[in-house]
Amino acid sequence: MRQINIGVLIPNSSIFPIGKSFETGLKAALKPLQELDIEVELSTEFSGQSGLRQLGEIFDRFFNYHNSDIVTGFISNKIAEDVSEKFKDKQRSLIVNNIGGQIPDINKLSENVFINSAHLWRHAWSLGHYGVKNLGKSGMYVSSVYDAGYSFSQMFSMGMTAADPDSQWSFAVGSMPPNGKLTDMEVILPHIEKQKPDFIFATFCGTETPLFLNEFMKRGLHHDIKILGLPYLTSPFYGLDDDVNITSTQLYHHDPEITTDKVFYELGWQTGEMIVSVVPDAKDNVEIQQRLAELKKCFNINGEGELLASSFEEKVTLTTNHITDSGKQLTTTTLCEYESYYPTSGQLRDLFKDPVFSWLNPYLCI
């Protein structure tokens, strides 16, 4: 019986059961390999907060102890960049899964890295573009330090500029809270009141979302300033003190069934399906990488550093999130289809001409 070893990285998240959902979806999708007389061995490692030293030790175990043929899991694009050459040298494939907090840096990736993602950074561009075209020329990015450590503000401002070069962009980001505490919204709200933008793009997640929105509404700002946000601004939904409408996006334009809580299982399932598609006919790990590239289902570059496949959708679905019944009921309806950022290899390179700061942990893994 042939055997394949798959190294699986499981993160920590206080917001969703990301690791468990991903692993469950992966295992379910891998079952057809048993019928092909291929034994699957999963070597699971807990990646925690994705510290580089910790992950380096884990990858060494995958290579030197588990002898993993493929490594996958819920990790950030930043980590993928840092370990890309190692996977190329070892002739192993890394299938990265995440929601898409960071723009993939093709200057640092190799052909051995495959990114399976919803690419939420592109949604930020669409929301900035939509805001200027439909709500006004003045937009503000509002966030905690954590959420601001991803590519959302950069893409939001680019979307605004693409809609109108004369649009005005500003930002208000809370200071780093003490350990175990939440962001002090009193640092953020005065800036919004002073700037009085036409709309804000708020990227809070988890329990900081109702904390911000309730303070925003308490000051009556929701009567004059429209709120835009990514799908995780209202998921999980904790309930609010008042009614409000928030413009957001659907996670996948082509599939409304992949909701914010189900996407982690779906990413695991998609990864398992790709592995099942390539492993039976691949004689070694080099062929596994080649066949994964031929599938063109993930963000991937070729040996010359050119974009081979992106998995980008040409449009996004904008949604209206109606919070009613004194802030207790959330109803989501489709607003419209909207254009999104569809970059070439050259455009992606241009985004990294200057140094870019980013967290090592995937978005939502806090």
Protein backbone atom coordinates (compact mmCIF):
# COMPACT_ATOMS: atom_id res chain seq x y z
CA MET A 1 0.00 0.00 0.00
CA ARG A 2 1.29 3.43 -0.95
CA GLN A 3 1.49 6.05 1.82
CA ILE A 4 1.41 9.84 1.79
CA ASN A 5 2.22 12.03 4.78
CA ILE A 6 0.53 15.41 5.06
CA GLY A 7 1.76 17.91 7.64
CA VAL A 8 -1.09 20.01 9.02
CA LEU A 9 -0.72 23.33 10.85
CA ILE A 10 -3.50 24.17 13.32
CA PRO A 11 -3.69 27.78 14.63
CA ASN A 12 -5.26 29.34 17.71
CA SER A 13 -8.32 31.59 17.33
CA SER A 14 -10.52 33.05 20.03
CA ILE A 15 -13.12 34.06 17.42
CA PHE A 16 -13.89 30.88 15.43
CA PRO A 17 -12.92 27.18 15.75
CA ILE A 18 -10.71 27.65 12.70
CA GLY A 19 -8.27 24.78 13.23
CA LYS A 20 -10.89 22.18 14.07
CA SER A 21 -13.13 23.16 11.16
CA PHE A 22 -10.24 23.14 8.69
CA GLU A 23 -8.96 19.75 9.83
CA THR A 24 -12.46 18.25 9.67
CA GLY A 25 -12.96 19.46 6.11
CA LEU A 26 -9.53 18.22 5.07
CA LYS A 27 -10.10 14.73 6.48
CA ALA A 28 -13.53 14.44 4.85
CA ALA A 29 -12.18 15.35 1.41
CA LEU A 30 -9.22 12.95 1.68
CA LYS A 31 -11.38 9.84 2.15
CA PRO A 32 -11.38 8.85 -1.57
CA LEU A 33 -7.64 8.09 -1.32
CA GLN A 34 -8.45 5.09 0.87
CA GLU A 35 -10.44 3.58 -1.98
CA LEU A 36 -7.36 3.98 -4.17
CA ASP A 37 -5.29 1.98 -1.68
CA ILE A 38 -3.35 5.06 -0.59
CA GLU A 39 -2.81 5.37 3.16
CA VAL A 40 -2.99 8.95 4.43
CA GLU A 41 -0.98 9.88 7.50
CA LEU A 42 -1.77 13.30 8.96
CA SER A 43 0.96 14.82 11.12
CA THR A 44 -0.72 17.61 13.07
CA GLU A 45 1.18 20.42 14.75
CA PHE A 46 -0.32 23.34 16.68
CA SER A 47 1.03 26.60 15.29
CA GLY A 48 -0.39 28.84 18.04
CA GLN A 49 0.21 32.50 17.24
CA SER A 50 2.51 31.62 14.33
CA GLY A 51 5.80 32.73 15.81
CA LEU A 52 8.56 32.40 13.22
CA ARG A 53 10.90 30.43 15.50
CA GLN A 54 8.09 28.09 16.55
CA LEU A 55 7.00 27.49 12.96
CA GLY A 56 10.59 26.99 11.86
CA GLU A 57 10.91 24.14 14.35
CA ILE A 58 7.59 22.69 13.20
CA PHE A 59 8.61 22.76 9.55
CA ASP A 60 11.87 21.03 10.45
CA ARG A 61 9.86 18.26 12.10
CA PHE A 62 7.67 17.97 9.03
CA PHE A 63 10.75 17.55 6.83
CA ASN A 64 13.12 15.58 9.05
CA TYR A 65 10.89 13.50 11.30
CA HIS A 66 7.45 13.12 9.70
CA ASN A 67 8.89 13.16 6.17
CA SER A 68 5.81 15.06 5.00
CA ASP A 69 5.16 15.03 1.27
CA ILE A 70 2.80 18.03 1.49
CA VAL A 71 2.34 20.64 4.20
CA THR A 72 -0.89 22.56 4.60
CA GLY A 73 -2.88 24.41 7.22
CA PHE A 74 -4.24 27.80 8.16
CA ILE A 75 -1.25 30.14 8.00
CA SER A 76 -0.52 33.65 6.76
CA ASN A 77 0.92 34.73 3.44
CA LYS A 78 3.73 36.39 5.40
CA ILE A 79 4.83 33.06 6.87
CA ALA A 80 4.60 31.51 3.39
CA GLU A 81 7.02 34.15 2.10
CA ASP A 82 9.51 33.48 4.90
CA VAL A 83 9.59 29.70 4.33
CA SER A 84 9.11 29.67 0.56
CA GLU A 85 12.72 28.92 -0.35
CA LYS A 86 12.91 26.14 2.22
CA PHE A 87 10.01 24.34 0.51
CA LYS A 88 11.64 24.84 -2.87
CA ASP A 89 14.94 23.41 -1.61
CA LYS A 90 13.18 20.43 -0.03
CA GLN A 91 11.01 19.92 -3.15
CA ARG A 92 7.86 19.91 -1.06
CA SER A 93 4.54 21.66 -1.69
CA LEU A 94 3.02 24.11 0.79
CA ILE A 95 -0.73 24.66 0.45
CA VAL A 96 -1.50 27.81 2.42
CA ASN A 97 -5.06 28.49 3.58
CA ASN A 98 -6.35 31.78 4.96
CA ILE A 99 -9.12 34.35 4.56
CA GLY A 100 -6.85 36.80 2.78
CA GLY A 101 -5.61 39.46 5.17
CA GLN A 102 -2.38 40.03 3.24
CA ILE A 103 -1.49 40.68 -0.37
CA PRO A 104 0.73 37.80 -1.61
CA ASP A 105 4.25 39.07 -2.29
CA ILE A 106 5.30 37.29 -5.47
CA ASN A 107 8.80 38.74 -5.07
CA LYS A 108 9.30 36.34 -2.14
CA LEU A 109 7.18 33.33 -3.08
CA SER A 110 8.26 30.28 -5.06
CA GLU A 111 6.43 27.86 -7.33
CA ASN A 112 6.19 25.43 -4.41
CA VAL A 113 3.73 27.66 -2.54
CA PHE A 114 -0.01 27.51 -3.28
CA ILE A 115 -2.37 29.98 -1.60
CA ASN A 116 -6.00 28.92 -1.20
CA SER A 117 -7.83 32.03 -0.02
CA ALA A 118 -10.86 34.30 -0.25
CA HIS A 119 -8.40 37.21 -0.76
CA LEU A 120 -10.29 39.67 1.44
CA TRP A 121 -7.70 42.36 0.70
CA ARG A 122 -9.36 42.68 -2.72
CA HIS A 123 -12.73 43.27 -1.03
CA ALA A 124 -11.20 46.25 0.77
CA TRP A 125 -10.36 47.79 -2.62
CA SER A 126 -13.96 47.30 -3.80
CA LEU A 127 -15.41 48.90 -0.67
CA GLY A 128 -13.15 51.94 -1.03
CA HIS A 129 -14.10 52.28 -4.69
CA TYR A 130 -17.80 51.85 -3.94
CA GLY A 131 -17.69 54.39 -1.13
CA VAL A 132 -16.29 57.14 -3.34
CA LYS A 133 -18.59 56.35 -6.26
CA ASN A 134 -21.76 56.17 -4.18
CA LEU A 135 -21.35 57.83 -0.77
CA GLY A 136 -18.93 60.73 -1.10
CA LYS A 137 -15.29 61.66 -1.65
CA SER A 138 -14.28 61.56 2.03
CA GLY A 139 -13.52 58.16 3.55
CA MET A 140 -11.81 57.08 6.76
CA TYR A 141 -10.16 53.83 7.73
CA VAL A 142 -11.00 52.90 11.33
CA SER A 143 -9.39 49.98 13.13
CA SER A 144 -7.62 48.48 16.10
CA VAL A 145 -3.86 47.91 15.92
CA TYR A 146 -4.43 44.21 15.23
CA ASP A 147 -6.71 44.62 12.22
CA ALA A 148 -4.59 47.49 10.90
CA GLY A 149 -1.62 45.12 10.62
CA TYR A 150 -2.96 43.63 7.40
CA SER A 151 -3.41 44.92 3.84
CA PHE A 152 -6.91 46.33 4.26
CA SER A 153 -6.05 50.02 4.67
CA GLN A 154 -3.65 49.96 1.72
CA MET A 155 -6.24 48.43 -0.61
CA PHE A 156 -9.04 50.64 0.72
CA SER A 157 -7.07 53.78 -0.11
CA MET A 158 -6.14 52.38 -3.54
CA GLY A 159 -9.79 51.69 -4.28
CA MET A 160 -10.75 55.22 -3.29
CA THR A 161 -8.01 56.72 -5.47
CA ALA A 162 -9.00 54.54 -8.44
CA ALA A 163 -12.57 55.81 -8.11
CA ASP A 164 -11.48 59.46 -7.90
CA PRO A 165 -7.90 60.74 -7.57
CA ASP A 166 -9.28 63.75 -5.69
CA SER A 167 -10.94 61.66 -3.00
CA GLN A 168 -9.81 62.24 0.58
CA TRP A 169 -8.58 59.40 2.76
CA SER A 170 -7.87 59.56 6.48
CA PHE A 171 -7.48 57.01 9.26
CA ALA A 172 -8.04 56.49 12.98
CA VAL A 173 -6.31 53.51 14.58
CA GLY A 174 -6.49 52.74 18.28
CA SER A 175 -3.35 52.40 20.36
CA MET A 176 -2.08 49.01 21.49
CA PRO A 177 -4.23 47.96 24.48
CA PRO A 178 -2.73 46.48 27.65
CA ASN A 179 -2.32 42.71 27.62
CA GLY A 180 -5.70 41.03 27.88
CA LYS A 181 -7.64 44.26 27.31
CA LEU A 182 -9.64 45.58 24.34
CA THR A 183 -8.98 48.68 22.25
CA ASP A 184 -9.87 51.99 23.91
CA MET A 185 -12.48 53.41 21.52
CA GLU A 186 -12.17 56.84 23.16
CA VAL A 187 -8.92 57.19 21.24
CA ILE A 188 -10.66 56.60 17.91
CA LEU A 189 -14.08 58.27 18.11
CA PRO A 190 -12.88 61.89 18.54
CA HIS A 191 -10.96 61.63 15.25
CA ILE A 192 -14.10 60.51 13.43
CA GLU A 193 -16.12 63.35 14.96
CA LYS A 194 -13.45 65.85 13.94
CA GLN A 195 -13.00 64.59 10.35
CA LYS A 196 -16.72 63.98 9.68
CA PRO A 197 -16.08 61.65 6.68
CA ASP A 198 -18.85 60.59 4.32
CA PHE A 199 -18.14 56.97 5.20
CA ILE A 200 -15.86 54.83 7.31
CA PHE A 201 -14.28 51.47 6.58
CA ALA A 202 -14.18 49.66 9.94
CA THR A 203 -12.11 46.48 10.21
CA PHE A 204 -12.71 45.42 13.79
CA CYS A 205 -13.39 41.74 14.47
CA GLY A 206 -14.56 39.64 17.38
CA THR A 207 -15.69 41.31 20.59
CA GLU A 208 -14.20 44.66 19.58
CA THR A 209 -16.86 45.03 16.87
CA PRO A 210 -19.84 45.73 19.17
CA LEU A 211 -17.60 47.80 21.41
CA PHE A 212 -16.80 50.15 18.51
CA LEU A 213 -20.23 50.18 16.85
CA ASN A 214 -22.07 50.90 20.10
CA GLU A 215 -19.77 53.84 20.86
CA PHE A 216 -20.15 55.06 17.26
CA MET A 217 -23.96 54.96 17.55
CA LYS A 218 -24.00 56.35 21.08
CA ARG A 219 -22.57 59.57 19.63
CA GLY A 220 -25.18 59.57 16.85
CA LEU A 221 -22.52 59.28 14.14
CA HIS A 222 -24.42 56.53 12.29
CA HIS A 223 -27.06 59.07 11.24
CA ASP A 224 -24.61 60.98 9.04
CA ILE A 225 -21.69 58.62 8.36
CA LYS A 226 -22.14 55.38 6.41
CA ILE A 227 -20.40 52.25 7.68
CA LEU A 228 -18.52 49.86 5.40
CA GLY A 229 -16.84 46.69 6.61
CA LEU A 230 -15.56 43.24 5.70
CA PRO A 231 -17.84 40.24 6.36
CA TYR A 232 -16.25 39.68 9.78
CA LEU A 233 -17.42 43.05 11.05
CA THR A 234 -20.80 41.42 11.66
CA SER A 235 -19.70 37.82 12.15
CA PRO A 236 -19.92 36.54 14.81
CA PHE A 237 -22.93 38.76 15.50
CA TYR A 238 -23.01 39.83 19.15
CA GLY A 239 -25.98 42.18 19.03
CA LEU A 240 -25.91 45.97 19.37
CA ASP A 241 -27.61 48.70 21.37
CA ASP A 242 -29.39 50.21 18.35
CA ASP A 243 -30.34 49.58 14.71
CA VAL A 244 -27.91 50.31 11.88
CA ASN A 245 -27.11 49.33 8.28
CA ILE A 246 -23.62 48.20 7.29
CA THR A 247 -22.42 47.70 3.72
CA SER A 248 -20.18 44.67 3.40
CA THR A 249 -19.23 41.88 0.99
CA GLN A 250 -20.04 38.25 0.45
CA LEU A 251 -17.02 36.06 1.14
CA TYR A 252 -17.15 34.34 -2.28
CA HIS A 253 -18.92 36.07 -5.15
CA HIS A 254 -19.84 32.81 -6.88
CA ASP A 255 -21.00 30.89 -3.82
CA PRO A 256 -23.19 32.48 -1.13
CA GLU A 257 -23.31 29.16 0.74
CA ILE A 258 -19.69 29.61 1.86
CA THR A 259 -20.47 31.81 4.83
CA THR A 260 -18.06 33.39 7.29
CA ASP A 261 -18.34 30.52 9.76
CA LYS A 262 -18.31 27.72 7.18
CA VAL A 263 -15.35 28.91 5.12
CA PHE A 264 -12.72 27.19 7.30
CA TYR A 265 -14.27 23.76 6.70
CA GLU A 266 -14.60 24.64 3.01
CA LEU A 267 -10.93 25.61 2.72
CA GLY A 268 -9.96 22.29 4.29
CA TRP A 269 -12.28 20.46 1.91
CA GLN A 270 -10.87 22.30 -1.12
CA THR A 271 -7.33 21.46 -0.04
CA GLY A 272 -8.24 17.80 0.38
CA GLU A 273 -9.87 17.73 -3.05
CA MET A 274 -6.73 19.16 -4.65
CA ILE A 275 -4.55 16.56 -2.94
CA VAL A 276 -6.88 13.75 -4.06
CA SER A 277 -6.69 15.09 -7.63
CA VAL A 278 -2.90 15.03 -7.86
CA VAL A 279 -1.48 12.36 -5.56
CA PRO A 280 -2.65 9.11 -7.24
CA ASP A 281 -0.84 9.80 -10.53
CA ALA A 282 2.22 11.59 -9.13
CA LYS A 283 5.28 9.37 -8.75
CA ASP A 284 7.15 11.76 -6.41
CA ASN A 285 6.96 15.13 -4.68
CA VAL A 286 8.21 16.98 -7.74
CA GLU A 287 5.27 15.68 -9.72
CA ILE A 288 2.89 16.57 -6.88
CA GLN A 289 4.02 20.20 -7.18
CA GLN A 290 3.73 20.15 -10.96
CA ARG A 291 0.23 18.67 -10.91
CA LEU A 292 -0.94 21.14 -8.26
CA ALA A 293 0.28 23.94 -10.54
CA GLU A 294 -1.59 22.43 -13.48
CA LEU A 295 -4.85 22.49 -11.50
CA LYS A 296 -4.66 26.31 -11.32
CA LYS A 297 -7.03 26.41 -8.36
CA CYS A 298 -4.76 28.42 -6.06
CA PHE A 299 -2.65 31.55 -6.17
CA ASN A 300 0.64 30.29 -7.58
CA ILE A 301 3.63 31.55 -9.56
CA ASN A 302 5.88 29.77 -12.03
CA GLY A 303 9.65 29.30 -11.82
CA GLU A 304 10.24 32.76 -13.29
CA GLY A 305 8.19 34.47 -10.62
CA GLU A 306 5.27 35.23 -12.91
CA LEU A 307 1.66 34.74 -11.86
CA LEU A 308 0.55 31.33 -13.07
CA ALA A 309 -2.86 31.25 -11.38
CA SER A 310 -4.61 33.62 -8.99
CA SER A 311 -8.05 32.20 -8.04
CA PHE A 312 -9.21 35.84 -8.04
CA GLU A 313 -12.86 36.49 -8.81
CA GLU A 314 -13.48 39.35 -11.22
CA LYS A 315 -16.27 40.80 -9.09
CA VAL A 316 -17.43 40.85 -5.50
CA THR A 317 -20.97 40.74 -4.17
CA LEU A 318 -21.77 43.75 -2.00
CA THR A 319 -24.28 43.18 0.77
CA THR A 320 -26.39 45.28 3.10
CA ASN A 321 -26.42 44.07 6.68
CA HIS A 322 -29.61 45.27 8.35
CA ILE A 323 -29.35 45.26 12.15
CA THR A 324 -32.84 45.73 13.55
CA ASP A 325 -35.07 44.91 16.54
CA SER A 326 -33.14 47.24 18.84
CA GLY A 327 -29.86 45.82 17.55
CA LYS A 328 -30.72 42.16 18.16
CA GLN A 329 -31.55 40.91 14.65
CA LEU A 330 -29.17 40.71 11.68
CA THR A 331 -30.50 40.26 8.14
CA THR A 332 -28.17 40.26 5.14
CA THR A 333 -29.37 41.06 1.61
CA THR A 334 -27.56 41.41 -1.70
CA LEU A 335 -26.87 45.00 -2.71
CA CYS A 336 -25.16 44.54 -6.09
CA GLU A 337 -22.29 42.99 -8.01
CA TYR A 338 -19.23 45.21 -8.00
CA GLU A 339 -15.83 45.33 -9.65
CA SER A 340 -12.74 44.26 -7.77
CA TYR A 341 -8.99 44.62 -8.07
CA TYR A 342 -7.58 42.13 -10.57
CA PRO A 343 -3.81 42.72 -10.64
CA THR A 344 -1.16 41.51 -13.06
CA SER A 345 2.23 40.18 -11.94
CA GLY A 346 3.76 43.61 -12.48
CA GLN A 347 1.08 45.37 -10.46
CA LEU A 348 1.56 42.95 -7.58
CA ARG A 349 5.29 43.63 -7.60
CA ASP A 350 4.67 47.38 -7.52
CA LEU A 351 2.70 47.00 -4.30
CA PHE A 352 5.92 45.91 -2.56
CA LYS A 353 8.33 48.57 -3.83
CA ASP A 354 8.37 49.97 -0.30
CA PRO A 355 8.66 47.91 2.91
CA VAL A 356 5.32 46.48 4.05
CA PHE A 357 4.52 45.75 7.71
CA SER A 358 2.34 42.75 8.49
CA TRP A 359 1.55 40.35 11.31
CA LEU A 360 2.82 36.78 11.11
CA ASN A 361 -0.43 35.25 12.30
CA PRO A 362 -3.33 34.83 9.86
CA TYR A 363 -6.24 37.24 10.07
CA LEU A 364 -8.73 36.14 12.79
CA CYS A 365 -6.12 34.01 14.57
CA ILE A 366 -5.88 35.97 17.81
